[in-house]
Protein backbone atom coordinates (compact mmCIF):
# COMPACT_ATOMS: atom_id res chain seq x y z
CA MET A 1 21.21 134.40 50.92
CA LYS A 2 21.56 131.87 48.09
CA LYS A 3 25.01 130.48 47.33
CA VAL A 4 25.53 130.11 43.60
CA CYS A 5 27.91 128.00 41.54
CA ILE A 6 28.52 128.86 37.88
CA VAL A 7 29.01 125.71 35.81
CA GLY A 8 31.05 126.58 32.73
CA TYR A 9 33.13 129.76 32.88
CA GLY A 10 33.76 130.21 29.16
CA ALA A 11 31.91 132.74 27.01
CA ILE A 12 28.76 133.42 29.05
CA GLY A 13 29.79 132.32 32.56
CA PRO A 14 31.67 135.57 33.27
CA ILE A 15 28.53 137.55 32.32
CA HIS A 16 26.66 135.67 35.04
CA GLY A 17 29.42 136.49 37.48
CA LEU A 18 29.19 140.20 36.77
CA ALA A 19 25.38 140.13 36.95
CA LEU A 20 25.44 138.39 40.34
CA GLU A 21 27.36 141.37 41.73
CA LYS A 22 24.13 143.38 41.33
CA VAL A 23 22.01 140.84 43.21
CA GLU A 24 21.21 141.32 46.90
CA GLN A 25 19.90 137.88 47.88
CA ALA A 26 22.55 135.71 46.25
CA ARG A 27 26.31 135.58 46.01
CA LEU A 28 28.75 133.72 43.81
CA TYR A 29 30.12 130.89 45.93
CA GLY A 30 31.79 128.57 43.43
CA VAL A 31 32.85 127.87 39.87
CA CYS A 32 32.83 124.46 38.18
CA ASP A 33 34.84 123.96 35.00
CA ILE A 34 37.17 121.31 33.62
CA ASP A 35 39.58 124.05 32.51
CA PRO A 36 41.89 125.05 35.41
CA GLU A 37 42.70 128.41 33.82
CA ARG A 38 39.04 129.37 33.68
CA ARG A 39 38.58 128.32 37.29
CA ARG A 40 41.60 130.37 38.28
CA LEU A 41 40.25 133.49 36.58
CA CYS A 42 36.96 133.21 38.44
CA ARG A 43 38.61 132.42 41.78
CA GLU A 44 40.99 135.37 41.52
CA LYS A 45 38.19 137.76 40.60
CA TYR A 46 35.58 136.64 43.15
CA GLY A 47 37.39 134.51 45.74
CA VAL A 48 35.17 131.53 45.03
CA LYS A 49 35.57 127.82 45.65
CA GLU A 50 36.75 125.76 42.67
CA TYR A 51 35.25 122.48 41.48
CA GLU A 52 36.71 120.41 38.67
CA ASP A 53 34.08 117.68 38.94
CA PHE A 54 30.37 118.43 38.45
CA ASP A 55 29.14 115.61 40.69
CA ALA A 56 31.49 116.62 43.49
CA MET A 57 30.04 120.13 43.32
CA LEU A 58 26.49 118.75 43.52
CA GLN A 59 27.43 116.88 46.69
CA ASP A 60 28.42 120.13 48.42
CA PRO A 61 25.44 121.09 50.65
CA ALA A 62 26.59 124.72 50.67
CA VAL A 63 25.62 125.15 47.01
CA ASP A 64 21.99 126.23 46.70
CA SER A 65 21.76 127.13 43.02
CA VAL A 66 23.69 126.19 39.89
CA HIS A 67 23.94 128.21 36.68
CA ILE A 68 24.31 126.02 33.60
CA CYS A 69 26.57 127.92 31.18
CA THR A 70 28.02 124.92 29.37
CA PRO A 71 27.84 123.74 25.73
CA HIS A 72 24.36 122.70 24.58
CA TRP A 73 24.90 118.96 24.61
CA LEU A 74 25.58 119.04 28.36
CA HIS A 75 22.48 121.02 29.38
CA TYR A 76 19.87 118.30 29.82
CA GLU A 77 21.99 115.88 31.80
CA MET A 78 23.41 118.62 34.04
CA ILE A 79 19.97 120.08 34.73
CA ARG A 80 18.60 116.61 35.52
CA ARG A 81 21.40 115.76 37.93
CA ALA A 82 21.24 119.16 39.62
CA LEU A 83 17.49 118.81 40.22
CA GLU A 84 18.00 115.31 41.62
CA ALA A 85 20.61 116.76 43.99
CA GLY A 86 18.06 119.28 45.26
CA LYS A 87 19.65 122.32 43.67
CA ASP A 88 17.81 125.17 42.00
CA VAL A 89 18.82 125.67 38.37
CA VAL A 90 19.36 128.71 36.17
CA THR A 91 20.06 127.61 32.62
CA GLU A 92 21.26 129.41 29.53
CA LYS A 93 19.51 128.90 26.20
CA PRO A 94 18.76 126.60 24.59
CA VAL A 95 17.33 124.74 27.55
CA THR A 96 17.93 121.46 25.72
CA ARG A 97 19.54 120.40 22.45
CA THR A 98 16.75 118.14 21.16
CA ARG A 99 12.98 117.75 21.40
CA GLN A 100 13.43 114.38 23.13
CA GLU A 101 15.53 116.00 25.87
CA TRP A 102 12.98 118.81 26.15
CA ASN A 103 10.07 116.41 26.66
CA SER A 104 12.07 114.41 29.21
CA LEU A 105 13.02 117.54 31.13
CA LYS A 106 9.44 118.74 31.44
CA ALA A 107 8.50 115.40 32.99
CA LEU A 108 11.21 115.49 35.66
CA GLU A 109 10.32 116.00 39.29
CA GLY A 110 11.42 119.48 40.31
CA SER A 111 11.37 120.91 36.77
CA ASP A 112 9.45 123.87 38.17
CA ARG A 113 12.74 124.91 39.84
CA VAL A 114 14.37 125.69 36.48
CA CYS A 115 14.82 129.36 35.58
CA VAL A 116 15.38 129.90 31.84
CA VAL A 117 17.70 132.72 30.79
CA LEU A 118 15.52 134.61 28.33
CA GLN A 119 17.11 137.87 29.40
CA ASN A 120 16.24 139.92 26.33
CA ARG A 121 12.58 139.82 27.35
CA LEU A 122 13.63 142.26 30.05
CA ASN A 123 15.19 144.85 27.73
CA PRO A 124 13.45 148.19 28.42
CA CYS A 125 12.22 148.43 24.83
CA ILE A 126 10.62 144.99 24.95
CA LEU A 127 9.05 145.71 28.34
CA LYS A 128 7.58 148.96 27.02
CA LEU A 129 6.26 147.29 23.88
CA ARG A 130 4.66 144.51 25.92
CA GLU A 131 3.04 147.14 28.14
CA LEU A 132 1.55 148.91 25.11
CA ILE A 133 0.25 145.62 23.71
CA LEU A 134 -1.36 144.57 27.01
CA GLU A 135 -3.07 147.93 27.51
CA GLY A 136 -4.46 147.77 23.98
CA SER A 137 -3.68 151.35 23.00
CA LEU A 138 -2.42 150.30 19.56
CA GLY A 139 -5.32 147.98 18.83
CA ARG A 140 -5.02 144.48 17.45
CA ALA A 141 -1.73 143.28 15.95
CA VAL A 142 -2.03 142.48 12.24
CA ALA A 143 1.51 141.57 11.12
CA VAL A 144 5.02 140.99 12.48
CA ARG A 145 8.50 140.73 10.98
CA ALA A 146 11.85 140.14 12.65
CA VAL A 147 15.40 140.25 11.29
CA LEU A 148 18.74 139.28 12.78
CA THR A 149 22.00 139.83 10.87
CA TRP A 150 25.11 138.76 12.76
CA SER A 151 28.60 137.54 11.93
CA ARG A 152 30.08 134.21 13.04
CA ASP A 153 33.20 133.21 11.13
CA ARG A 154 35.49 130.19 10.92
CA ALA A 155 37.49 131.33 13.96
CA TYR A 156 34.33 131.46 16.08
CA TYR A 157 33.35 127.91 15.21
CA GLU A 158 36.88 126.61 15.62
CA SER A 159 37.08 128.16 19.11
CA GLY A 160 35.16 125.17 20.48
CA ASP A 161 34.93 121.69 18.97
CA TRP A 162 31.26 121.44 19.99
CA ARG A 163 30.22 124.40 17.84
CA GLY A 164 28.65 123.90 14.43
CA ARG A 165 27.86 120.20 14.93
CA TRP A 166 24.45 118.56 15.12
CA ALA A 167 25.51 116.14 17.84
CA THR A 168 26.81 118.78 20.24
CA GLU A 169 25.27 122.15 19.33
CA GLY A 170 21.97 120.77 18.00
CA GLY A 171 21.88 123.27 15.16
CA GLY A 172 23.53 126.54 14.30
CA LEU A 173 22.21 130.06 13.90
CA LEU A 174 18.69 129.35 15.16
CA ILE A 175 19.41 127.36 18.31
CA ASN A 176 22.33 129.55 19.38
CA GLN A 177 21.93 133.13 18.13
CA ALA A 178 18.48 133.77 16.62
CA ILE A 179 16.46 132.05 19.34
CA HIS A 180 16.15 135.29 21.32
CA THR A 181 14.76 137.20 18.33
CA LEU A 182 12.30 134.37 17.63
CA ASP A 183 11.30 134.46 21.30
CA PHE A 184 10.24 138.12 21.01
CA ILE A 185 7.38 137.13 18.70
CA SER A 186 5.60 134.65 20.95
CA TYR A 187 6.44 136.60 24.13
CA LEU A 188 4.78 139.73 22.77
CA LEU A 189 2.02 138.37 20.56
CA GLY A 190 1.14 134.89 21.81
CA ASP A 191 1.90 131.36 20.72
CA ILE A 192 3.13 130.51 17.25
CA ARG A 193 1.11 127.61 15.80
CA LYS A 194 2.53 127.04 12.31
CA VAL A 195 5.93 127.49 10.64
CA ARG A 196 7.38 126.96 7.16
CA THR A 197 11.14 127.25 7.14
CA ASP A 198 14.05 127.21 4.71
CA MET A 199 17.59 126.82 6.03
CA CYS A 200 20.97 126.75 4.35
CA ASN A 201 24.70 127.22 4.86
CA HIS A 202 25.76 130.12 2.63
CA THR A 203 29.11 131.16 4.11
CA LEU A 204 30.59 128.31 6.15
CA GLU A 205 30.33 125.29 3.88
CA GLY A 206 33.01 122.81 4.87
CA VAL A 207 33.39 124.46 8.28
CA ILE A 208 30.07 123.63 9.98
CA GLU A 209 27.41 120.95 9.52
CA VAL A 210 24.55 123.23 10.49
CA GLU A 211 22.69 126.26 9.17
CA ASP A 212 24.05 129.81 9.00
CA THR A 213 20.91 131.34 7.44
CA LEU A 214 17.15 130.84 7.68
CA SER A 215 13.92 132.36 6.47
CA ALA A 216 10.51 131.45 7.83
CA HIS A 217 6.83 132.24 7.55
CA LEU A 218 4.96 132.08 10.84
CA GLU A 219 1.30 131.96 11.85
CA LEU A 220 0.22 132.72 15.42
CA GLU A 221 -2.74 131.37 17.39
CA SER A 222 -4.31 134.82 17.01
CA GLY A 223 -4.18 134.52 13.23
CA VAL A 224 -1.38 137.08 12.90
CA LYS A 225 1.10 136.12 10.18
CA GLY A 226 4.76 137.01 10.18
CA VAL A 227 8.11 136.60 8.54
CA PHE A 228 11.45 135.88 10.17
CA PHE A 229 14.91 136.13 8.63
CA ALA A 230 18.24 135.52 10.32
CA THR A 231 21.83 134.95 9.27
CA ASN A 232 25.30 134.54 10.71
CA GLY A 233 26.74 135.40 7.33
CA TYR A 234 26.66 139.18 7.61
CA SER A 235 29.88 141.19 7.95
CA GLU A 236 29.04 142.70 11.34
CA ASN A 237 26.71 142.26 14.30
CA SER A 238 23.64 144.46 14.03
CA ALA A 239 21.04 144.96 16.75
CA PRO A 240 17.91 142.83 16.24
CA PHE A 241 15.05 144.39 14.23
CA LEU A 242 11.42 143.77 15.15
CA GLU A 243 8.40 145.44 13.59
CA ILE A 244 4.77 144.89 14.60
CA SER A 245 1.94 146.49 12.65
CA PHE A 246 -1.21 147.24 14.64
CA GLU A 247 -4.63 148.59 13.78
CA LYS A 248 -3.54 151.97 15.13
CA GLY A 249 0.05 152.21 14.06
CA VAL A 250 3.46 150.57 13.86
CA ALA A 251 6.04 149.76 16.52
CA ARG A 252 9.67 149.25 15.49
CA TYR A 253 12.45 147.95 17.72
CA MET A 254 15.68 148.89 15.98
CA ASP A 255 19.14 150.04 17.00
CA GLN A 256 18.16 149.22 20.60
CA LYS A 257 15.42 151.85 20.51
CA LEU A 258 11.64 151.48 20.36
CA TRP A 259 9.79 153.74 17.94
CA VAL A 260 5.99 153.87 18.05
CA ASN A 261 4.32 155.71 15.18
CA GLY A 262 7.59 157.53 14.56
CA CYS A 263 8.09 158.67 18.18
CA LEU A 264 10.82 157.39 20.50
CA ALA A 265 9.13 155.37 23.26
CA ALA A 266 12.05 153.61 25.00
CA GLU A 267 15.77 152.93 24.75
CA ASP A 268 17.89 150.03 25.98
CA ALA A 269 20.87 150.64 28.23
CA PRO A 270 24.26 149.54 26.81
CA ALA A 271 25.79 146.29 27.99
CA VAL A 272 28.29 146.43 30.84
CA ALA A 273 30.16 143.42 29.45
CA GLY A 274 30.05 141.02 26.56
CA LYS A 275 28.76 142.07 23.17
CA ASP A 276 27.40 145.60 22.94
CA TYR A 277 24.17 144.48 21.26
CA TRP A 278 23.25 142.16 24.13
CA GLY A 279 21.94 144.82 26.50
CA ARG A 280 21.88 144.34 30.28
CA GLY A 281 19.24 141.65 30.55
CA HIS A 282 21.29 139.22 32.63
CA GLU A 283 21.45 141.70 35.51
CA ARG A 284 17.71 142.26 35.44
CA LEU A 285 16.91 138.57 35.09
CA LEU A 286 19.03 137.50 38.07
CA GLN A 287 17.82 140.39 40.22
CA ARG A 288 14.27 139.36 39.37
CA TYR A 289 14.99 135.71 40.20
CA TYR A 290 16.90 136.05 43.45
CA ASP A 291 15.57 139.33 44.84
CA GLN A 292 11.95 139.11 43.66
CA GLN A 293 11.53 135.31 43.48
CA THR A 294 10.16 135.30 39.96
CA CYS A 295 11.55 133.88 36.75
CA PHE A 296 10.85 132.55 33.27
CA THR A 297 9.91 128.90 33.76
CA LEU A 298 9.99 125.97 31.35
CA SER A 299 6.32 126.71 30.68
CA ASP A 300 7.19 130.30 29.79
CA ALA A 301 9.82 129.06 27.34
CA GLU A 302 7.72 126.26 25.87
CA ASN A 303 6.35 127.88 22.71
CA THR A 304 9.75 129.25 21.72
CA MET A 305 11.38 125.84 22.23
CA GLU A 306 8.59 124.00 20.40
CA THR A 307 8.70 126.51 17.53
CA MET A 308 12.47 126.15 17.24
CA PHE A 309 12.23 122.36 17.01
CA ALA A 310 9.38 122.63 14.49
CA MET A 311 11.45 124.96 12.32
CA TYR A 312 14.32 122.48 12.19
CA GLU A 313 11.96 119.60 11.49
CA ASP A 314 10.17 121.46 8.72
CA ALA A 315 13.43 122.53 7.08
CA VAL A 316 14.90 119.03 7.24
CA SER A 317 11.76 117.35 5.90
CA GLY A 318 11.50 119.65 2.89
CA LYS A 319 13.76 120.25 -0.08
CA PRO A 320 15.21 123.70 0.78
CA PHE A 321 17.54 122.64 3.62
CA ARG A 322 21.14 122.17 2.52
CA GLY A 323 23.09 122.25 5.79
CA GLY A 324 23.20 118.55 6.68
CA SER A 325 20.76 115.81 7.54
CA GLY A 326 20.33 116.72 11.21
CA PRO A 327 19.10 114.47 14.03
CA PHE A 328 15.42 115.26 13.47
CA THR A 329 12.24 113.41 12.60
CA ALA A 330 10.09 114.98 9.93
CA PRO A 331 6.67 116.13 11.19
């Protein structure tokens, strides 16, 4: 039985707590957060041990596994220190804030003990679509498009001083919200090898330094070409849209349902907590990790991370980007 400590009990930490209730081979043992009110909420709900100091928590031999649910700029250093302390690590996206941190993390001893939270890969619709692709019943993929239209307003960004800043968030829409939709493409169809990207800040100028909207053209190793559009400037949060055209038909993931050649093939279950368009992937991911000893590794996440960094670098190096200079080196 693994004893787990959630590090960061803000927006996503409580979702991990609820998901761990469904796991047989692990239990929530502790919570680590600098905010005493957040620690209190977790302790009163689960009866866990509280830690204010991250290093003190790492020194506790009772803790087997830590879940990194903190702001982006803390991820790399916390993962590194947890691995050095001999702990297993489950980390929220993005794994790291910058390409430099990403390359350093991959080189660390014990990096194979990092489980990446790419929970939407486990949505029933995505699992069914992957099954159809692997069995080849739809033939070769010929095109892909993906769209994400969400809403993040001034109040959202002002809820945490790390949000909307290059130095602490590492970007905006792409690194925080749209990364899961981007991940669908390489997870289902293979590695992305080329990107051309435009980014801008249409709705939050003067509020954030980073992008709220992007459009991209993608080319995969297989030769499949695709388009990707995402924005935080919509008036509501819509479920992600993904369409893949095959030699023998079309698959559309929309409204949390999978349609194949016009027929309903699968449907996602509603979320038990959090935002209703998230689904229940955290439960499935943690059950898979602790009860079945399998997870999405850094290697599994690599093409999505590399593509994300390449999209920022391409946008910053070209003329279209208008969201700020960004801490990136042009390719």
